[in-house]
C-alpha atoms as a PDB file:
ATOM      1  CA  MET A   1       0.000   0.000   0.000  1.00  0.00           C
ATOM      2  CA  ALA A   2       1.337   3.454  -0.919  1.00  0.00           C
ATOM      3  CA  THR A   3       2.417   5.695   1.914  1.00  0.00           C
ATOM      4  CA  PRO A   4       0.438   8.940   2.400  1.00  0.00           C
ATOM      5  CA  ASP A   5       3.458  11.035   1.335  1.00  0.00           C
ATOM      6  CA  ILE A   6       3.154   9.821  -2.247  1.00  0.00           C
ATOM      7  CA  ALA A   7      -0.152  11.604  -2.871  1.00  0.00           C
ATOM      8  CA  THR A   8       1.030  15.052  -1.700  1.00  0.00           C
ATOM      9  CA  GLY A   9       2.438  16.127  -5.064  1.00  0.00           C
ATOM     10  CA  THR A  10       5.512  17.482  -3.314  1.00  0.00           C
ATOM     11  CA  ALA A  11       9.211  16.766  -3.709  1.00  0.00           C
ATOM     12  CA  THR A  12       8.949  14.530  -0.639  1.00  0.00           C
ATOM     13  CA  GLY A  13       6.106  12.683  -2.342  1.00  0.00           C
ATOM     14  CA  LEU A  14       8.267  12.219  -5.428  1.00  0.00           C
ATOM     15  CA  MET A  15      11.034  10.629  -3.342  1.00  0.00           C
ATOM     16  CA  ALA A  16       8.521   8.308  -1.675  1.00  0.00           C
ATOM     17  CA  PHE A  17       7.041   7.444  -5.059  1.00  0.00           C
ATOM     18  CA  MET A  18      10.386   6.264  -6.405  1.00  0.00           C
ATOM     19  CA  ASP A  19      10.908   4.045  -3.344  1.00  0.00           C
ATOM     20  CA  PHE A  20       7.369   2.734  -3.946  1.00  0.00           C
ATOM     21  CA  MET A  21       8.219   1.871  -7.581  1.00  0.00           C
ATOM     22  CA  ILE A  22      11.236  -0.162  -6.478  1.00  0.00           C
ATOM     23  CA  ALA A  23       9.289  -1.909  -3.682  1.00  0.00           C
ATOM     24  CA  LYS A  24       6.498  -2.883  -6.097  1.00  0.00           C
ATOM     25  CA  GLY A  25       8.917  -4.101  -8.759  1.00  0.00           C
ATOM     26  CA  TYR A  26       7.897  -1.441 -11.292  1.00  0.00           C
ATOM     27  CA  GLY A  27      11.579  -0.676 -11.747  1.00  0.00           C
ATOM     28  CA  THR A  28      14.896  -1.944 -10.443  1.00  0.00           C
ATOM     29  CA  ALA A  29      16.901  -0.073  -7.854  1.00  0.00           C
ATOM     30  CA  GLY A  30      19.602   0.295 -10.496  1.00  0.00           C
ATOM     31  CA  SER A  31      17.225   2.124 -12.834  1.00  0.00           C
ATOM     32  CA  ILE A  32      15.186   4.171 -10.315  1.00  0.00           C
ATOM     33  CA  ASN A  33      17.838   5.265  -7.804  1.00  0.00           C
ATOM     34  CA  PRO A  34      19.671   7.396 -10.410  1.00  0.00           C
ATOM     35  CA  TRP A  35      16.375   9.266 -10.958  1.00  0.00           C
ATOM     36  CA  LYS A  36      16.009   9.771  -7.220  1.00  0.00           C
ATOM     37  CA  SER A  37      19.602  10.928  -6.786  1.00  0.00           C
ATOM     38  CA  ALA A  38      19.329  13.354  -9.701  1.00  0.00           C
ATOM     39  CA  ALA A  39      16.025  14.776  -8.419  1.00  0.00           C
ATOM     40  CA  LYS A  40      17.452  15.276  -4.927  1.00  0.00           C
ATOM     41  CA  ASN A  41      20.538  17.055  -6.291  1.00  0.00           C
ATOM     42  CA  VAL A  42      18.477  19.306  -8.566  1.00  0.00           C
ATOM     43  CA  PHE A  43      16.090  20.226  -5.742  1.00  0.00           C
ATOM     44  CA  THR A  44      18.941  20.855  -3.311  1.00  0.00           C
ATOM     45  CA  VAL A  45      20.829  23.137  -5.701  1.00  0.00           C
ATOM     46  CA  VAL A  46      17.725  25.214  -6.507  1.00  0.00           C
ATOM     47  CA  GLU A  47      15.834  25.158  -3.188  1.00  0.00           C
ATOM     48  CA  GLY A  48      18.421  24.264  -0.562  1.00  0.00           C
ATOM     49  CA  ASP A  49      18.089  21.381   1.881  1.00  0.00           C
ATOM     50  CA  GLU A  50      14.477  22.243   2.797  1.00  0.00           C
ATOM     51  CA  PHE A  51      12.952  21.310  -0.546  1.00  0.00           C
ATOM     52  CA  GLY A  52      10.445  18.745   0.704  1.00  0.00           C
ATOM     53  CA  GLU A  53       7.321  20.947   0.496  1.00  0.00           C
ATOM     54  CA  LEU A  54       7.957  22.089  -3.082  1.00  0.00           C
ATOM     55  CA  ASP A  55       4.881  21.391  -5.240  1.00  0.00           C
ATOM     56  CA  VAL A  56       6.108  19.492  -8.314  1.00  0.00           C
ATOM     57  CA  ARG A  57       2.734  18.960  -9.986  1.00  0.00           C
ATOM     58  CA  THR A  58       2.585  22.014 -12.210  1.00  0.00           C
ATOM     59  CA  PHE A  59       5.920  23.817 -12.353  1.00  0.00           C
ATOM     60  CA  ASP A  60       7.671  24.252 -15.715  1.00  0.00           C
ATOM     61  CA  VAL A  61      10.336  21.524 -15.850  1.00  0.00           C
ATOM     62  CA  ASP A  62      12.468  23.280 -18.474  1.00  0.00           C
ATOM     63  CA  GLU A  63      12.448  26.557 -16.546  1.00  0.00           C
ATOM     64  CA  TYR A  64      13.320  24.741 -13.320  1.00  0.00           C
ATOM     65  CA  LEU A  65      16.187  22.848 -14.939  1.00  0.00           C
ATOM     66  CA  GLY A  66      17.427  26.137 -16.371  1.00  0.00           C
ATOM     67  CA  ARG A  67      17.609  27.548 -12.836  1.00  0.00           C
ATOM     68  CA  PHE A  68      19.462  24.434 -11.727  1.00  0.00           C
ATOM     69  CA  GLU A  69      22.022  24.754 -14.522  1.00  0.00           C
ATOM     70  CA  ASN A  70      22.546  28.466 -13.778  1.00  0.00           C
ATOM     71  CA  ARG A  71      23.191  27.758 -10.093  1.00  0.00           C
ATOM     72  CA  ALA A  72      25.360  24.708 -10.850  1.00  0.00           C
ATOM     73  CA  MET A  73      27.495  26.521 -13.408  1.00  0.00           C
ATOM     74  CA  GLY A  74      31.058  25.190 -13.228  1.00  0.00           C
ATOM     75  CA  LYS A  75      30.212  22.478 -10.692  1.00  0.00           C
ATOM     76  CA  TYR A  76      29.252  19.756 -13.170  1.00  0.00           C
ATOM     77  CA  THR A  77      30.490  18.634 -16.574  1.00  0.00           C
ATOM     78  CA  ALA A  78      28.270  18.946 -19.644  1.00  0.00           C
ATOM     79  CA  ASP A  79      27.747  15.159 -19.553  1.00  0.00           C
ATOM     80  CA  SER A  80      26.624  15.285 -15.923  1.00  0.00           C
ATOM     81  CA  LEU A  81      24.199  18.128 -16.596  1.00  0.00           C
ATOM     82  CA  ALA A  82      22.695  16.209 -19.521  1.00  0.00           C
ATOM     83  CA  ALA A  83      22.264  13.130 -17.314  1.00  0.00           C
ATOM     84  CA  TYR A  84      20.642  15.197 -14.538  1.00  0.00           C
ATOM     85  CA  ARG A  85      18.273  16.798 -17.030  1.00  0.00           C
ATOM     86  CA  SER A  86      17.170  13.445 -18.505  1.00  0.00           C
ATOM     87  CA  ARG A  87      16.770  11.645 -15.166  1.00  0.00           C
ATOM     88  CA  PHE A  88      14.969  14.541 -13.470  1.00  0.00           C
ATOM     89  CA  ARG A  89      12.500  14.812 -16.341  1.00  0.00           C
ATOM     90  CA  LYS A  90      11.780  11.057 -16.288  1.00  0.00           C
ATOM     91  CA  ALA A  91      11.171  11.132 -12.528  1.00  0.00           C
ATOM     92  CA  ILE A  92       8.779  14.098 -12.765  1.00  0.00           C
ATOM     93  CA  ASP A  93       6.900  12.643 -15.761  1.00  0.00           C
ATOM     94  CA  ALA A  94       6.399   9.280 -14.049  1.00  0.00           C
ATOM     95  CA  TYR A  95       5.247  10.900 -10.794  1.00  0.00           C
ATOM     96  CA  ARG A  96       2.803  13.232 -12.518  1.00  0.00           C
ATOM     97  CA  SER A  97       1.360  10.296 -14.461  1.00  0.00           C
ATOM     98  CA  TYR A  98       0.866   8.426 -11.190  1.00  0.00           C
ATOM     99  CA  LEU A  99      -0.795  11.426  -9.500  1.00  0.00           C
ATOM    100  CA  ALA A 100      -3.180  11.787 -12.454  1.00  0.00           C
ATOM    101  CA  ASP A 101      -4.097   8.092 -12.233  1.00  0.00           C
ATOM    102  CA  PRO A 102      -3.155   6.092  -9.093  1.00  0.00           C
ATOM    103  CA  ASN A 103      -3.720   2.910 -11.125  1.00  0.00           C
ATOM    104  CA  TRP A 104      -0.965   4.022 -13.519  1.00  0.00           C
ATOM    105  CA  ARG A 105       1.785   1.503 -14.124  1.00  0.00           C
ATOM    106  CA  PRO A 106       4.929   1.831 -16.234  1.00  0.00           C
ATOM    107  CA  ALA A 107       4.380   0.532 -19.758  1.00  0.00           C
ATOM    108  CA  VAL A 108       5.393  -3.121 -20.061  1.00  0.00           C
ATOM    109  CA  LYS A 109       5.325  -4.902 -23.389  1.00  0.00           C
ATOM    110  CA  ALA A 110       3.206  -8.037 -23.342  1.00  0.00           C
ATOM    111  CA  SER A 111       4.872 -11.196 -24.539  1.00  0.00           C
ATOM    112  CA  ALA A 112       3.620 -12.750 -27.755  1.00  0.00           C
ATOM    113  CA  ARG A 113       1.032 -15.482 -27.229  1.00  0.00           C
ATOM    114  CA  ARG A 114       0.495 -18.525 -29.415  1.00  0.00           C
ATOM    115  CA  PRO A 115      -2.992 -19.045 -30.823  1.00  0.00           C
ATOM    116  CA  VAL A 116      -5.281 -21.419 -28.918  1.00  0.00           C
ATOM    117  CA  THR A 117      -6.908 -24.377 -30.693  1.00  0.00           C
ATOM    118  CA  GLU A 118     -10.526 -25.468 -30.321  1.00  0.00           C
ATOM    119  CA  ASN A 119      -9.654 -27.915 -27.523  1.00  0.00           C
ATOM    120  CA  GLY A 120      -8.021 -25.107 -25.535  1.00  0.00           C
ATOM    121  CA  SER A 121      -4.385 -26.103 -26.072  1.00  0.00           C
ATOM    122  CA  LYS A 122      -1.843 -23.736 -27.554  1.00  0.00           C
ATOM    123  CA  SER A 123      -1.096 -24.553 -31.143  1.00  0.00           C
ATOM    124  CA  LYS A 124       2.438 -25.118 -32.291  1.00  0.00           C
ATOM    125  CA  VAL A 125       3.711 -22.369 -34.522  1.00  0.00           C
ATOM    126  CA  PRO A 126       6.331 -23.391 -37.067  1.00  0.00           C
ATOM    127  CA  ARG A 127       9.727 -21.967 -36.263  1.00  0.00           C
ATOM    128  CA  GLY A 128      10.293 -18.738 -38.130  1.00  0.00           C
ATOM    129  CA  SER A 129       6.614 -18.011 -38.728  1.00  0.00           C
ATOM    130  CA  GLU A 130       5.954 -16.191 -35.441  1.00  0.00           C
ATOM    131  CA  ALA A 131       7.574 -13.001 -36.707  1.00  0.00           C
ATOM    132  CA  ALA A 132       5.351 -13.024 -39.777  1.00  0.00           C
ATOM    133  CA  SER A 133       2.104 -13.504 -37.847  1.00  0.00           C
ATOM    134  CA  ASP A 134       2.904 -11.290 -34.839  1.00  0.00           C
ATOM    135  CA  PRO A 135       2.542  -7.581 -35.704  1.00  0.00           C
ATOM    136  CA  SER A 136       4.315  -6.412 -32.545  1.00  0.00           C
ATOM    137  CA  PRO A 137       8.005  -5.605 -33.005  1.00  0.00           C
ATOM    138  CA  ALA A 138      10.684  -7.608 -31.239  1.00  0.00           C
ATOM    139  CA  PRO A 139      11.861  -5.933 -28.011  1.00  0.00           C
ATOM    140  CA  LEU A 140      14.961  -3.845 -28.388  1.00  0.00           C
ATOM    141  CA  PRO A 141      18.065  -4.741 -26.378  1.00  0.00           C
ATOM    142  CA  PRO A 142      18.615  -2.568 -23.295  1.00  0.00           C
ATOM    143  CA  ALA A 143      20.475   0.666 -23.918  1.00  0.00           C
ATOM    144  CA  SER A 144      24.173   0.798 -23.094  1.00  0.00           C
ATOM    145  CA  PRO A 145      24.988   2.613 -19.833  1.00  0.00           C
ATOM    146  CA  ALA A 146      26.926   5.096 -21.991  1.00  0.00           C
ATOM    147  CA  LEU A 147      23.710   6.085 -23.803  1.00  0.00           C
ATOM    148  CA  ILE A 148      20.764   8.212 -22.701  1.00  0.00           C
ATOM    149  CA  ALA A 149      17.194   7.320 -23.689  1.00  0.00           C
ATOM    150  CA  TYR A 150      15.416  10.357 -25.128  1.00  0.00           C
ATOM    151  CA  PRO A 151      11.618   9.961 -25.377  1.00  0.00           C
ATOM    152  CA  PHE A 152      10.148  11.371 -28.596  1.00  0.00           C
ATOM    153  CA  PRO A 153       6.337  11.691 -28.970  1.00  0.00           C
ATOM    154  CA  LEU A 154       5.131  10.819 -32.464  1.00  0.00           C
ATOM    155  CA  LYS A 155       2.174  12.371 -34.284  1.00  0.00           C
ATOM    156  CA  SER A 156       0.329   9.049 -33.972  1.00  0.00           C
ATOM    157  CA  GLY A 157       0.419   9.301 -30.177  1.00  0.00           C
ATOM    158  CA  GLN A 158       3.086   6.630 -29.787  1.00  0.00           C
ATOM    159  CA  LEU A 159       6.253   7.352 -27.831  1.00  0.00           C
ATOM    160  CA  ALA A 160       9.537   6.506 -29.548  1.00  0.00           C
ATOM    161  CA  GLN A 161      12.880   6.363 -27.758  1.00  0.00           C
ATOM    162  CA  LEU A 162      16.226   7.410 -29.152  1.00  0.00           C
ATOM    163  CA  HIS A 163      19.266   5.962 -27.386  1.00  0.00           C
ATOM    164  CA  LEU A 164      22.068   8.443 -27.985  1.00  0.00           C
ATOM    165  CA  PRO A 165      25.431   9.251 -26.401  1.00  0.00           C
ATOM    166  CA  THR A 166      25.671  12.267 -24.113  1.00  0.00           C
ATOM    167  CA  GLN A 167      27.893  13.935 -26.703  1.00  0.00           C
ATOM    168  CA  LEU A 168      26.827  13.620 -30.328  1.00  0.00           C
ATOM    169  CA  ASP A 169      29.165  14.688 -33.153  1.00  0.00           C
ATOM    170  CA  ARG A 170      27.672  16.953 -35.816  1.00  0.00           C
ATOM    171  CA  ASP A 171      28.589  14.395 -38.500  1.00  0.00           C
ATOM    172  CA  ASP A 172      26.739  11.649 -36.610  1.00  0.00           C
ATOM    173  CA  ALA A 173      23.745  13.960 -36.107  1.00  0.00           C
ATOM    174  CA  ASP A 174      23.629  14.683 -39.847  1.00  0.00           C
ATOM    175  CA  ARG A 175      23.899  10.974 -40.684  1.00  0.00           C
ATOM    176  CA  LEU A 176      21.155  10.166 -38.175  1.00  0.00           C
ATOM    177  CA  THR A 177      18.889  12.840 -39.672  1.00  0.00           C
ATOM    178  CA  ASN A 178      19.428  11.466 -43.172  1.00  0.00           C
ATOM    179  CA  PHE A 179      18.788   7.934 -41.954  1.00  0.00           C
ATOM    180  CA  ILE A 180      15.471   8.897 -40.316  1.00  0.00           C
ATOM    181  CA  ARG A 181      14.408  10.767 -43.455  1.00  0.00           C
ATOM    182  CA  ALA A 182      15.131   7.620 -45.474  1.00  0.00           C
ATOM    183  CA  LEU A 183      12.601   5.744 -43.318  1.00  0.00           C
ATOM    184  CA  VAL A 184       9.736   8.058 -44.262  1.00  0.00           C
ATOM    185  CA  PHE A 185       7.063   6.326 -46.328  1.00  0.00           C
ATOM    186  CA  ASP A 186       5.103   8.835 -48.395  1.00  0.00           C
ATOM    187  CA  GLN A 187       1.686   7.808 -49.642  1.00  0.00           C
ATOM    188  CA  PRO A 188       1.462   8.049 -53.475  1.00  0.00           C
ATOM    189  CA  ARG A 189      -0.403  11.130 -54.608  1.00  0.00           C
ATOM    190  CA  GLN A 190      -3.850  10.481 -56.050  1.00  0.00           C
ATOM    191  CA  LEU A 191      -4.792  11.828 -59.429  1.00  0.00           C
ATOM    192  CA  PRO A 192      -7.806  14.140 -59.537  1.00  0.00           C
ATOM    193  CA  SER A 193     -11.030  12.263 -60.252  1.00  0.00           C
ATOM    194  CA  GLY A 194     -11.690  11.839 -63.979  1.00  0.00           C
ATOM    195  CA  GLY A 195      -8.097  12.496 -64.946  1.00  0.00           C
ATOM    196  CA  SER A 196      -5.313  10.245 -66.143  1.00  0.00           C
ATOM    197  CA  ASP A 197      -1.660  10.503 -67.040  1.00  0.00           C
ATOM    198  CA  GLY A 198      -2.525  10.752 -70.694  1.00  0.00           C
ATOM    199  CA  GLU A 199      -5.099  13.529 -70.438  1.00  0.00           C
END
């Protein structure tokens, strides 16, 4: 059962929420504790040690991180600041989602299920045919610790993730842009009704 602190919408509630996620198995300590550590450091730099009552439900995350970076100028490397920014944002987004819906759970991909026959037993799928019949993509391997996962909302409402290094060369950025453009599938343009190529 969640502790009362979680529902307060404060920085203290955020810390309790991350402990709650680990306790419930919604994330590993190795994945959640960096969020918690980053959030605590950001709050401490901006607010001081007495940050617990700060309301985190509606403040502008970008503006707040800007204040953090201004106050932390010279204390952290560019890589560290990028990591703090990413982890702090993930912690706030997850907590706000939970506050909006206490039944919220982190998205977990369901495993593919084999079709069931008339007698209730699972049918055997020929090896190699599962990929053709299952429309869901194969899970991606976990990102390297040297990479940061950047969420990217798509127009369709889906959320893509880009796993990129903390420092990206301009040449690599240009190549990545060209690669993504090459993936675009444009629908063929329709001719006006009643017309044809020969008219």
